[in-house]
Amino acid sequence: MKNKKEKDHRLDYGIFLVFIAFLGISRLINFDLGRAMGENFLIFARDMILILPPAFIIIGLFEIWVKKETIEKHFGNSSGLKRHIYAILLAATTVGGTFVAFPVANSLYHKGADYSSIFTYITSASLVMIPMSVMEASIIGLEFTLLRIGLSLPLVVISSIVLNNIFQHDNYALPANV
């Protein structure tokens, strides 16, 4: 198993090196598509370098400071519909999109949140981020933003409940090392 993982990592690094070589050659020969890809890659890499370290520090503090009992109380099976409201509120304040939402969701899972809360959180993290919603409202209009959120969130909650029921029926559990 170790050899397969090592080969996979070598392949990943090889593909990355080919990509970097392509970007370098594109820059040398003024290949517009390659240059545009390089510029987009640098913007994306810069954003990740700025967002991820502080986000992971906050996630680490969340792991330490927030008690398992608190998560179970507010995001667990016994919390009813409130768990979805808490998940949506937490998602609205999450900065960094899904890059940050998935590690937070993993932390919630290991602290006792049920799947329904986690699905609501992950989906809402891409729907109701406060900075994105404010920008959208200023560009497209407040009515559109409220309509989009008002129609989307009930569907998110319903689908999260359905998925949770399916997972419970099948006795699904994430692997221990995730």
N, C-alpha and C. Protein backbone atom coordinates (compact mmCIF):
# COMPACT_ATOMS: atom_id res chain seq x y z
N MET A 1 0.83 -1.19 0.00
CA MET A 1 0.00 0.00 0.00
C MET A 1 0.88 1.26 0.00
N LYS A 2 1.98 1.20 0.74
CA LYS A 2 2.86 2.36 0.78
C LYS A 2 3.44 2.68 -0.59
N ASN A 3 3.83 1.65 -1.34
CA ASN A 3 4.40 1.89 -2.67
C ASN A 3 3.39 2.55 -3.60
N LYS A 4 2.11 2.14 -3.51
CA LYS A 4 1.07 2.75 -4.36
C LYS A 4 0.91 4.23 -4.01
N LYS A 5 0.92 4.54 -2.71
CA LYS A 5 0.80 5.94 -2.31
C LYS A 5 2.01 6.75 -2.77
N GLU A 6 3.19 6.16 -2.65
CA GLU A 6 4.40 6.86 -3.11
C GLU A 6 4.34 7.10 -4.61
N LYS A 7 3.88 6.10 -5.37
CA LYS A 7 3.76 6.27 -6.82
C LYS A 7 2.74 7.34 -7.15
N ASP A 8 1.61 7.37 -6.41
CA ASP A 8 0.59 8.39 -6.63
C ASP A 8 1.15 9.78 -6.38
N HIS A 9 1.92 9.93 -5.30
CA HIS A 9 2.51 11.23 -4.99
C HIS A 9 3.54 11.63 -6.04
N ARG A 10 4.33 10.68 -6.49
CA ARG A 10 5.31 11.00 -7.54
C ARG A 10 4.60 11.43 -8.82
N LEU A 11 3.49 10.76 -9.16
CA LEU A 11 2.72 11.14 -10.34
C LEU A 11 2.15 12.54 -10.17
N ASP A 12 1.62 12.84 -8.98
CA ASP A 12 1.08 14.17 -8.71
C ASP A 12 2.17 15.25 -8.87
N TYR A 13 3.33 15.00 -8.30
CA TYR A 13 4.43 15.96 -8.42
C TYR A 13 4.89 16.08 -9.88
N GLY A 14 4.91 14.96 -10.59
CA GLY A 14 5.30 14.99 -12.00
C GLY A 14 4.34 15.83 -12.82
N ILE A 15 3.05 15.65 -12.60
CA ILE A 15 2.05 16.44 -13.33
C ILE A 15 2.21 17.92 -13.00
N PHE A 16 2.45 18.22 -11.73
CA PHE A 16 2.65 19.61 -11.33
C PHE A 16 3.88 20.21 -12.00
N LEU A 17 4.95 19.44 -12.06
CA LEU A 17 6.17 19.93 -12.71
C LEU A 17 5.96 20.16 -14.20
N VAL A 18 5.20 19.28 -14.85
CA VAL A 18 4.88 19.47 -16.27
C VAL A 18 4.06 20.75 -16.44
N PHE A 19 3.13 20.98 -15.53
CA PHE A 19 2.32 22.20 -15.57
C PHE A 19 3.20 23.44 -15.43
N ILE A 20 4.10 23.42 -14.45
CA ILE A 20 5.00 24.57 -14.24
C ILE A 20 5.89 24.78 -15.47
N ALA A 21 6.37 23.68 -16.05
CA ALA A 21 7.20 23.79 -17.27
C ALA A 21 6.39 24.41 -18.40
N PHE A 22 5.14 23.98 -18.54
CA PHE A 22 4.26 24.54 -19.57
C PHE A 22 4.09 26.05 -19.36
N LEU A 23 3.88 26.46 -18.11
CA LEU A 23 3.72 27.89 -17.83
C LEU A 23 4.99 28.67 -18.16
N GLY A 24 6.14 28.09 -17.80
CA GLY A 24 7.42 28.76 -18.10
C GLY A 24 7.66 28.88 -19.59
N ILE A 25 7.43 27.81 -20.34
CA ILE A 25 7.61 27.83 -21.80
C ILE A 25 6.63 28.81 -22.44
N SER A 26 5.38 28.82 -21.93
CA SER A 26 4.37 29.75 -22.47
C SER A 26 4.81 31.19 -22.28
N ARG A 27 5.43 31.47 -21.15
CA ARG A 27 5.90 32.82 -20.89
C ARG A 27 7.05 33.18 -21.83
N LEU A 28 7.94 32.21 -22.08
CA LEU A 28 9.08 32.47 -22.96
C LEU A 28 8.66 32.70 -24.41
N ILE A 29 7.68 31.95 -24.88
CA ILE A 29 7.29 32.06 -26.29
C ILE A 29 6.05 32.94 -26.50
N ASN A 30 5.61 33.61 -25.42
CA ASN A 30 4.44 34.49 -25.47
C ASN A 30 3.17 33.78 -25.94
N PHE A 31 2.94 32.58 -25.43
CA PHE A 31 1.71 31.83 -25.71
C PHE A 31 0.64 32.37 -24.77
N ASP A 32 -0.34 33.10 -25.34
CA ASP A 32 -1.32 33.84 -24.53
C ASP A 32 -2.10 32.95 -23.57
N LEU A 33 -2.56 31.81 -24.03
CA LEU A 33 -3.35 30.92 -23.17
C LEU A 33 -2.53 30.47 -21.96
N GLY A 34 -1.31 30.07 -22.19
CA GLY A 34 -0.43 29.64 -21.10
C GLY A 34 -0.11 30.78 -20.14
N ARG A 35 0.10 31.96 -20.68
CA ARG A 35 0.37 33.13 -19.82
C ARG A 35 -0.85 33.45 -18.96
N ALA A 36 -2.04 33.37 -19.54
CA ALA A 36 -3.27 33.63 -18.77
C ALA A 36 -3.45 32.56 -17.68
N MET A 37 -3.14 31.31 -18.02
CA MET A 37 -3.22 30.24 -17.02
C MET A 37 -2.25 30.51 -15.88
N GLY A 38 -1.05 30.96 -16.20
CA GLY A 38 -0.05 31.27 -15.18
C GLY A 38 -0.49 32.40 -14.27
N GLU A 39 -1.06 33.44 -14.87
CA GLU A 39 -1.54 34.57 -14.06
C GLU A 39 -2.67 34.13 -13.13
N ASN A 40 -3.61 33.34 -13.66
CA ASN A 40 -4.70 32.83 -12.83
C ASN A 40 -4.18 31.92 -11.72
N PHE A 41 -3.19 31.09 -12.04
CA PHE A 41 -2.60 30.21 -11.04
C PHE A 41 -1.95 31.02 -9.92
N LEU A 42 -1.23 32.07 -10.27
CA LEU A 42 -0.58 32.90 -9.26
C LEU A 42 -1.60 33.61 -8.37
N ILE A 43 -2.67 34.09 -8.97
CA ILE A 43 -3.73 34.74 -8.18
C ILE A 43 -4.34 33.74 -7.20
N PHE A 44 -4.65 32.55 -7.71
CA PHE A 44 -5.23 31.50 -6.88
C PHE A 44 -4.27 31.10 -5.75
N ALA A 45 -3.00 30.90 -6.08
CA ALA A 45 -2.00 30.50 -5.08
C ALA A 45 -1.84 31.58 -4.01
N ARG A 46 -1.81 32.84 -4.44
CA ARG A 46 -1.70 33.94 -3.48
C ARG A 46 -2.90 33.96 -2.53
N ASP A 47 -4.10 33.77 -3.08
CA ASP A 47 -5.30 33.75 -2.25
C ASP A 47 -5.25 32.62 -1.24
N MET A 48 -4.80 31.45 -1.67
CA MET A 48 -4.71 30.31 -0.76
C MET A 48 -3.68 30.55 0.34
N ILE A 49 -2.57 31.16 -0.02
CA ILE A 49 -1.53 31.45 0.98
C ILE A 49 -2.04 32.47 2.00
N LEU A 50 -2.88 33.39 1.57
CA LEU A 50 -3.42 34.39 2.49
C LEU A 50 -4.56 33.85 3.34
N ILE A 51 -5.38 32.94 2.80
CA ILE A 51 -6.58 32.47 3.49
C ILE A 51 -6.31 31.27 4.39
N LEU A 52 -5.62 30.28 3.88
CA LEU A 52 -5.52 29.00 4.59
C LEU A 52 -4.79 29.04 5.93
N PRO A 53 -3.62 29.66 6.06
CA PRO A 53 -2.96 29.63 7.39
C PRO A 53 -3.81 30.22 8.52
N PRO A 54 -4.39 31.43 8.34
CA PRO A 54 -5.23 31.92 9.43
C PRO A 54 -6.47 31.04 9.67
N ALA A 55 -7.01 30.49 8.59
CA ALA A 55 -8.19 29.64 8.74
C ALA A 55 -7.85 28.39 9.54
N PHE A 56 -6.71 27.78 9.26
CA PHE A 56 -6.34 26.58 9.99
C PHE A 56 -5.98 26.88 11.45
N ILE A 57 -5.47 28.06 11.72
CA ILE A 57 -5.24 28.46 13.11
C ILE A 57 -6.57 28.56 13.84
N ILE A 58 -7.55 29.19 13.20
CA ILE A 58 -8.88 29.32 13.81
C ILE A 58 -9.52 27.95 14.00
N ILE A 59 -9.37 27.06 13.02
CA ILE A 59 -9.92 25.71 13.15
C ILE A 59 -9.24 24.97 14.31
N GLY A 60 -7.93 25.14 14.45
CA GLY A 60 -7.22 24.54 15.57
C GLY A 60 -7.72 25.06 16.91
N LEU A 61 -7.94 26.35 17.00
CA LEU A 61 -8.49 26.92 18.22
C LEU A 61 -9.90 26.40 18.49
N PHE A 62 -10.69 26.26 17.43
CA PHE A 62 -12.03 25.69 17.54
C PHE A 62 -11.95 24.28 18.13
N GLU A 63 -11.00 23.49 17.64
CA GLU A 63 -10.81 22.12 18.14
C GLU A 63 -10.52 22.13 19.64
N ILE A 64 -9.73 23.08 20.08
CA ILE A 64 -9.31 23.12 21.48
C ILE A 64 -10.37 23.77 22.37
N TRP A 65 -10.92 24.89 21.95
CA TRP A 65 -11.77 25.67 22.83
C TRP A 65 -13.22 25.18 22.89
N VAL A 66 -13.76 24.68 21.81
CA VAL A 66 -15.17 24.30 21.79
C VAL A 66 -15.30 22.86 22.28
N LYS A 67 -16.11 22.68 23.30
CA LYS A 67 -16.28 21.36 23.90
C LYS A 67 -17.18 20.48 23.05
N LYS A 68 -16.91 19.19 23.11
CA LYS A 68 -17.70 18.22 22.38
C LYS A 68 -19.17 18.29 22.81
N GLU A 69 -19.41 18.50 24.09
CA GLU A 69 -20.79 18.57 24.60
C GLU A 69 -21.55 19.74 23.99
N THR A 70 -20.85 20.84 23.76
CA THR A 70 -21.48 22.02 23.15
C THR A 70 -21.92 21.71 21.73
N ILE A 71 -21.05 21.06 20.96
CA ILE A 71 -21.39 20.71 19.58
C ILE A 71 -22.54 19.70 19.57
N GLU A 72 -22.48 18.69 20.43
CA GLU A 72 -23.55 17.70 20.49
C GLU A 72 -24.88 18.35 20.85
N LYS A 73 -24.84 19.32 21.77
CA LYS A 73 -26.07 20.00 22.20
C LYS A 73 -26.68 20.82 21.07
N HIS A 74 -25.84 21.54 20.32
CA HIS A 74 -26.36 22.46 19.31
C HIS A 74 -26.42 21.89 17.90
N PHE A 75 -25.61 20.87 17.59
CA PHE A 75 -25.56 20.31 16.24
C PHE A 75 -25.90 18.82 16.20
N GLY A 76 -26.22 18.23 17.32
CA GLY A 76 -26.50 16.80 17.39
C GLY A 76 -27.95 16.46 17.09
N ASN A 77 -28.25 15.17 17.15
CA ASN A 77 -29.60 14.68 16.83
C ASN A 77 -30.68 15.29 17.70
N SER A 78 -30.37 15.55 18.96
CA SER A 78 -31.40 16.00 19.90
C SER A 78 -31.74 17.48 19.78
N SER A 79 -31.03 18.22 18.96
CA SER A 79 -31.25 19.67 18.90
C SER A 79 -32.35 20.09 17.92
N GLY A 80 -32.93 19.14 17.20
CA GLY A 80 -34.05 19.46 16.32
C GLY A 80 -33.70 20.40 15.18
N LEU A 81 -34.64 21.28 14.85
CA LEU A 81 -34.44 22.21 13.73
C LEU A 81 -33.39 23.28 14.04
N LYS A 82 -33.13 23.51 15.34
CA LYS A 82 -32.13 24.51 15.72
C LYS A 82 -30.76 24.19 15.12
N ARG A 83 -30.45 22.90 14.97
CA ARG A 83 -29.13 22.54 14.45
C ARG A 83 -28.91 23.11 13.06
N HIS A 84 -29.97 23.19 12.28
CA HIS A 84 -29.85 23.74 10.92
C HIS A 84 -29.65 25.25 10.97
N ILE A 85 -30.32 25.89 11.90
CA ILE A 85 -30.15 27.34 12.06
C ILE A 85 -28.72 27.65 12.49
N TYR A 86 -28.21 26.88 13.46
CA TYR A 86 -26.83 27.07 13.91
C TYR A 86 -25.85 26.80 12.76
N ALA A 87 -26.10 25.77 11.99
CA ALA A 87 -25.22 25.43 10.87
C ALA A 87 -25.21 26.55 9.84
N ILE A 88 -26.37 27.12 9.55
CA ILE A 88 -26.46 28.22 8.58
C ILE A 88 -25.74 29.46 9.11
N LEU A 89 -25.93 29.77 10.39
CA LEU A 89 -25.25 30.93 10.98
C LEU A 89 -23.74 30.74 10.99
N LEU A 90 -23.28 29.55 11.32
CA LEU A 90 -21.85 29.28 11.29
C LEU A 90 -21.32 29.39 9.86
N ALA A 91 -22.06 28.87 8.90
CA ALA A 91 -21.65 28.93 7.50
C ALA A 91 -21.59 30.37 7.00
N ALA A 92 -22.51 31.20 7.44
CA ALA A 92 -22.54 32.60 6.99
C ALA A 92 -21.30 33.35 7.42
N THR A 93 -20.70 32.94 8.53
CA THR A 93 -19.52 33.64 9.03
C THR A 93 -18.21 32.98 8.59
N THR A 94 -18.30 31.88 7.88
CA THR A 94 -17.09 31.18 7.43
C THR A 94 -16.50 31.91 6.23
N VAL A 95 -15.25 32.29 6.37
CA VAL A 95 -14.54 32.96 5.28
C VAL A 95 -13.61 31.93 4.64
N GLY A 96 -13.53 31.91 3.33
CA GLY A 96 -12.63 30.99 2.66
C GLY A 96 -13.36 29.92 1.87
N GLY A 97 -14.67 29.95 1.86
CA GLY A 97 -15.45 29.00 1.06
C GLY A 97 -15.23 27.56 1.48
N THR A 98 -15.28 26.68 0.51
CA THR A 98 -15.20 25.26 0.82
C THR A 98 -13.81 24.83 1.26
N PHE A 99 -12.78 25.65 0.97
CA PHE A 99 -11.44 25.34 1.45
C PHE A 99 -11.41 25.30 2.97
N VAL A 100 -12.21 26.13 3.60
CA VAL A 100 -12.29 26.18 5.04
C VAL A 100 -13.48 25.37 5.55
N ALA A 101 -14.55 25.31 4.78
CA ALA A 101 -15.77 24.63 5.24
C ALA A 101 -15.55 23.14 5.47
N PHE A 102 -14.79 22.47 4.63
CA PHE A 102 -14.61 21.03 4.82
C PHE A 102 -13.80 20.70 6.07
N PRO A 103 -12.70 21.40 6.37
CA PRO A 103 -12.03 21.12 7.64
C PRO A 103 -12.91 21.42 8.86
N VAL A 104 -13.71 22.48 8.80
CA VAL A 104 -14.62 22.78 9.90
C VAL A 104 -15.67 21.68 10.02
N ALA A 105 -16.18 21.21 8.89
CA ALA A 105 -17.17 20.13 8.91
C ALA A 105 -16.57 18.86 9.52
N ASN A 106 -15.32 18.58 9.20
CA ASN A 106 -14.65 17.42 9.78
C ASN A 106 -14.55 17.57 11.30
N SER A 107 -14.22 18.76 11.75
CA SER A 107 -14.15 19.02 13.18
C SER A 107 -15.51 18.86 13.84
N LEU A 108 -16.55 19.38 13.19
CA LEU A 108 -17.91 19.22 13.71
C LEU A 108 -18.28 17.74 13.82
N TYR A 109 -17.94 16.97 12.80
CA TYR A 109 -18.25 15.53 12.80
C TYR A 109 -17.58 14.83 13.98
N HIS A 110 -16.32 15.12 14.20
CA HIS A 110 -15.57 14.45 15.27
C HIS A 110 -15.98 14.93 16.66
N LYS A 111 -16.68 16.06 16.72
CA LYS A 111 -17.17 16.55 18.01
C LYS A 111 -18.64 16.17 18.24
N GLY A 112 -19.24 15.40 17.33
CA GLY A 112 -20.58 14.88 17.59
C GLY A 112 -21.72 15.49 16.82
N ALA A 113 -21.47 16.32 15.83
CA ALA A 113 -22.55 16.85 15.00
C ALA A 113 -23.10 15.74 14.12
N ASP A 114 -24.40 15.76 13.88
CA ASP A 114 -24.96 14.73 13.01
C ASP A 114 -24.78 15.13 11.54
N TYR A 115 -24.98 14.16 10.67
CA TYR A 115 -24.76 14.40 9.25
C TYR A 115 -25.64 15.52 8.71
N SER A 116 -26.85 15.61 9.20
CA SER A 116 -27.77 16.63 8.73
C SER A 116 -27.20 18.04 8.95
N SER A 117 -26.65 18.25 10.14
CA SER A 117 -26.03 19.56 10.44
C SER A 117 -24.83 19.82 9.54
N ILE A 118 -24.04 18.78 9.33
CA ILE A 118 -22.83 18.92 8.52
C ILE A 118 -23.19 19.22 7.07
N PHE A 119 -24.17 18.51 6.52
CA PHE A 119 -24.59 18.78 5.14
C PHE A 119 -25.14 20.19 5.01
N THR A 120 -25.93 20.61 5.99
CA THR A 120 -26.47 21.97 5.96
C THR A 120 -25.34 22.99 6.01
N TYR A 121 -24.36 22.75 6.88
CA TYR A 121 -23.23 23.67 7.01
C TYR A 121 -22.44 23.77 5.71
N ILE A 122 -22.06 22.63 5.15
CA ILE A 122 -21.22 22.64 3.95
C ILE A 122 -21.93 23.33 2.79
N THR A 123 -23.20 22.99 2.60
CA THR A 123 -23.94 23.59 1.49
C THR A 123 -24.18 25.08 1.72
N SER A 124 -24.51 25.43 2.95
CA SER A 124 -24.75 26.84 3.26
C SER A 124 -23.49 27.68 3.17
N ALA A 125 -22.33 27.05 3.40
CA ALA A 125 -21.07 27.80 3.35
C ALA A 125 -20.83 28.39 1.96
N SER A 126 -21.39 27.78 0.95
CA SER A 126 -21.23 28.34 -0.39
C SER A 126 -22.43 29.19 -0.81
N LEU A 127 -23.46 29.22 0.01
CA LEU A 127 -24.68 29.96 -0.35
C LEU A 127 -24.83 31.29 0.38
N VAL A 128 -24.46 31.34 1.65
CA VAL A 128 -24.85 32.50 2.46
C VAL A 128 -23.68 33.22 3.11
N MET A 129 -22.48 33.11 2.55
CA MET A 129 -21.37 33.85 3.14
C MET A 129 -21.72 35.34 3.15
N ILE A 130 -21.56 35.97 4.28
CA ILE A 130 -21.97 37.36 4.44
C ILE A 130 -21.27 38.28 3.44
N PRO A 131 -19.94 38.22 3.29
CA PRO A 131 -19.30 39.14 2.32
C PRO A 131 -19.82 38.93 0.89
N MET A 132 -20.00 37.66 0.49
CA MET A 132 -20.48 37.38 -0.85
C MET A 132 -21.91 37.89 -1.03
N SER A 133 -22.75 37.68 -0.02
CA SER A 133 -24.15 38.11 -0.11
C SER A 133 -24.27 39.63 -0.17
N VAL A 134 -23.43 40.33 0.59
CA VAL A 134 -23.45 41.80 0.56
C VAL A 134 -23.03 42.30 -0.82
N MET A 135 -21.96 41.71 -1.36
CA MET A 135 -21.51 42.12 -2.69
C MET A 135 -22.58 41.81 -3.74
N GLU A 136 -23.17 40.62 -3.65
CA GLU A 136 -24.22 40.25 -4.60
C GLU A 136 -25.40 41.22 -4.53
N ALA A 137 -25.81 41.57 -3.31
CA ALA A 137 -26.94 42.49 -3.15
C ALA A 137 -26.61 43.87 -3.71
N SER A 138 -25.36 44.30 -3.58
CA SER A 138 -25.00 45.63 -4.09
C SER A 138 -24.91 45.64 -5.61
N ILE A 139 -24.62 44.50 -6.22
CA ILE A 139 -24.49 44.45 -7.68
C ILE A 139 -25.81 44.08 -8.35
N ILE A 140 -26.42 42.99 -7.88
CA ILE A 140 -27.62 42.47 -8.55
C ILE A 140 -28.90 43.01 -7.92
N GLY A 141 -28.84 43.30 -6.63
CA GLY A 141 -30.01 43.84 -5.95
C GLY A 141 -30.37 43.00 -4.73
N LEU A 142 -30.87 43.67 -3.71
CA LEU A 142 -31.24 43.02 -2.47
C LEU A 142 -32.38 42.02 -2.67
N GLU A 143 -33.34 42.37 -3.54
CA GLU A 143 -34.48 41.48 -3.77
C GLU A 143 -34.02 40.14 -4.32
N PHE A 144 -33.11 40.15 -5.28
CA PHE A 144 -32.60 38.91 -5.86
C PHE A 144 -31.87 38.08 -4.81
N THR A 145 -31.02 38.73 -4.02
CA THR A 145 -30.25 38.02 -3.00
C THR A 145 -31.17 37.37 -1.98
N LEU A 146 -32.16 38.11 -1.50
CA LEU A 146 -33.10 37.55 -0.52
C LEU A 146 -33.92 36.41 -1.13
N LEU A 147 -34.31 36.56 -2.38
CA LEU A 147 -35.06 35.50 -3.06
C LEU A 147 -34.19 34.26 -3.23
N ARG A 148 -32.95 34.43 -3.64
CA ARG A 148 -32.05 33.29 -3.81
C ARG A 148 -31.82 32.56 -2.50
N ILE A 149 -31.55 33.31 -1.45
CA ILE A 149 -31.32 32.68 -0.14
C ILE A 149 -32.60 32.07 0.39
N GLY A 150 -33.71 32.79 0.25
CA GLY A 150 -35.00 32.29 0.75
C GLY A 150 -35.47 31.02 0.08
N LEU A 151 -35.16 30.87 -1.20
CA LEU A 151 -35.53 29.64 -1.91
C LEU A 151 -34.52 28.51 -1.70
N SER A 152 -33.26 28.88 -1.56
CA SER A 152 -32.22 27.86 -1.45
C SER A 152 -32.16 27.20 -0.09
N LEU A 153 -32.25 27.97 0.97
CA LEU A 153 -32.04 27.40 2.30
C LEU A 153 -33.06 26.33 2.69
N PRO A 154 -34.33 26.51 2.42
CA PRO A 154 -35.26 25.41 2.75
C PRO A 154 -34.92 24.12 1.98
N LEU A 155 -34.50 24.26 0.73
CA LEU A 155 -34.11 23.08 -0.03
C LEU A 155 -32.85 22.44 0.54
N VAL A 156 -31.93 23.25 1.03
CA VAL A 156 -30.72 22.72 1.66
C VAL A 156 -31.09 21.92 2.90
N VAL A 157 -31.95 22.48 3.73
CA VAL A 157 -32.33 21.80 4.97
C VAL A 157 -33.08 20.50 4.66
N ILE A 158 -34.00 20.54 3.72
CA ILE A 158 -34.75 19.33 3.37
C ILE A 158 -33.82 18.25 2.82
N SER A 159 -32.93 18.62 1.91
CA SER A 159 -32.03 17.61 1.35
C SER A 159 -31.06 17.09 2.41
N SER A 160 -30.65 17.93 3.35
CA SER A 160 -29.78 17.48 4.44
C SER A 160 -30.48 16.47 5.32
N ILE A 161 -31.75 16.71 5.60
CA ILE A 161 -32.52 15.77 6.42
C ILE A 161 -32.69 14.44 5.69
N VAL A 162 -32.98 14.50 4.40
CA VAL A 162 -33.14 13.27 3.60
C VAL A 162 -31.82 12.48 3.58
N LEU A 163 -30.71 13.16 3.32
CA LEU A 163 -29.41 12.49 3.29
C LEU A 163 -29.07 11.90 4.66
N ASN A 164 -29.37 12.64 5.72
CA ASN A 164 -29.12 12.13 7.07
C ASN A 164 -29.91 10.84 7.31
N ASN A 165 -31.16 10.82 6.90
CA ASN A 165 -31.99 9.62 7.07
C ASN A 165 -31.43 8.44 6.29
N ILE A 166 -30.95 8.70 5.09
CA ILE A 166 -30.34 7.63 4.28
C ILE A 166 -29.09 7.11 4.97
N PHE A 167 -28.25 8.01 5.44
CA PHE A 167 -27.01 7.58 6.12
C PHE A 167 -27.33 6.79 7.39
N GLN A 168 -28.32 7.24 8.16
CA GLN A 168 -28.69 6.51 9.38
C GLN A 168 -29.27 5.14 9.04
N HIS A 169 -30.10 5.08 8.02
CA HIS A 169 -30.70 3.80 7.62
C HIS A 169 -29.63 2.80 7.21
N ASP A 170 -28.58 3.28 6.53
CA ASP A 170 -27.50 2.40 6.07
C ASP A 170 -26.40 2.23 7.12
N ASN A 171 -26.57 2.84 8.32
CA ASN A 171 -25.56 2.78 9.39
C ASN A 171 -24.19 3.22 8.89
N TYR A 172 -24.17 4.28 8.11
CA TYR A 172 -22.92 4.78 7.55
C TYR A 172 -22.12 5.51 8.63
N ALA A 173 -20.81 5.32 8.58
CA ALA A 173 -19.90 6.06 9.45
C ALA A 173 -18.64 6.36 8.66
N LEU A 174 -18.10 7.55 8.86
CA LEU A 174 -16.84 7.89 8.20
C LEU A 174 -15.73 7.01 8.76
N PRO A 175 -14.73 6.72 7.97
CA PRO A 175 -13.58 5.97 8.50
C PRO A 175 -12.94 6.73 9.66
N ALA A 176 -12.37 6.02 10.60
CA ALA A 176 -11.81 6.61 11.81
C ALA A 176 -10.67 7.57 11.53
N ASN A 177 -9.90 7.35 10.47
CA ASN A 177 -8.72 8.17 10.22
C ASN A 177 -9.00 9.40 9.38
N VAL A 178 -10.24 9.73 9.13
CA VAL A 178 -10.57 10.91 8.32
C VAL A 178 -10.71 12.10 9.23
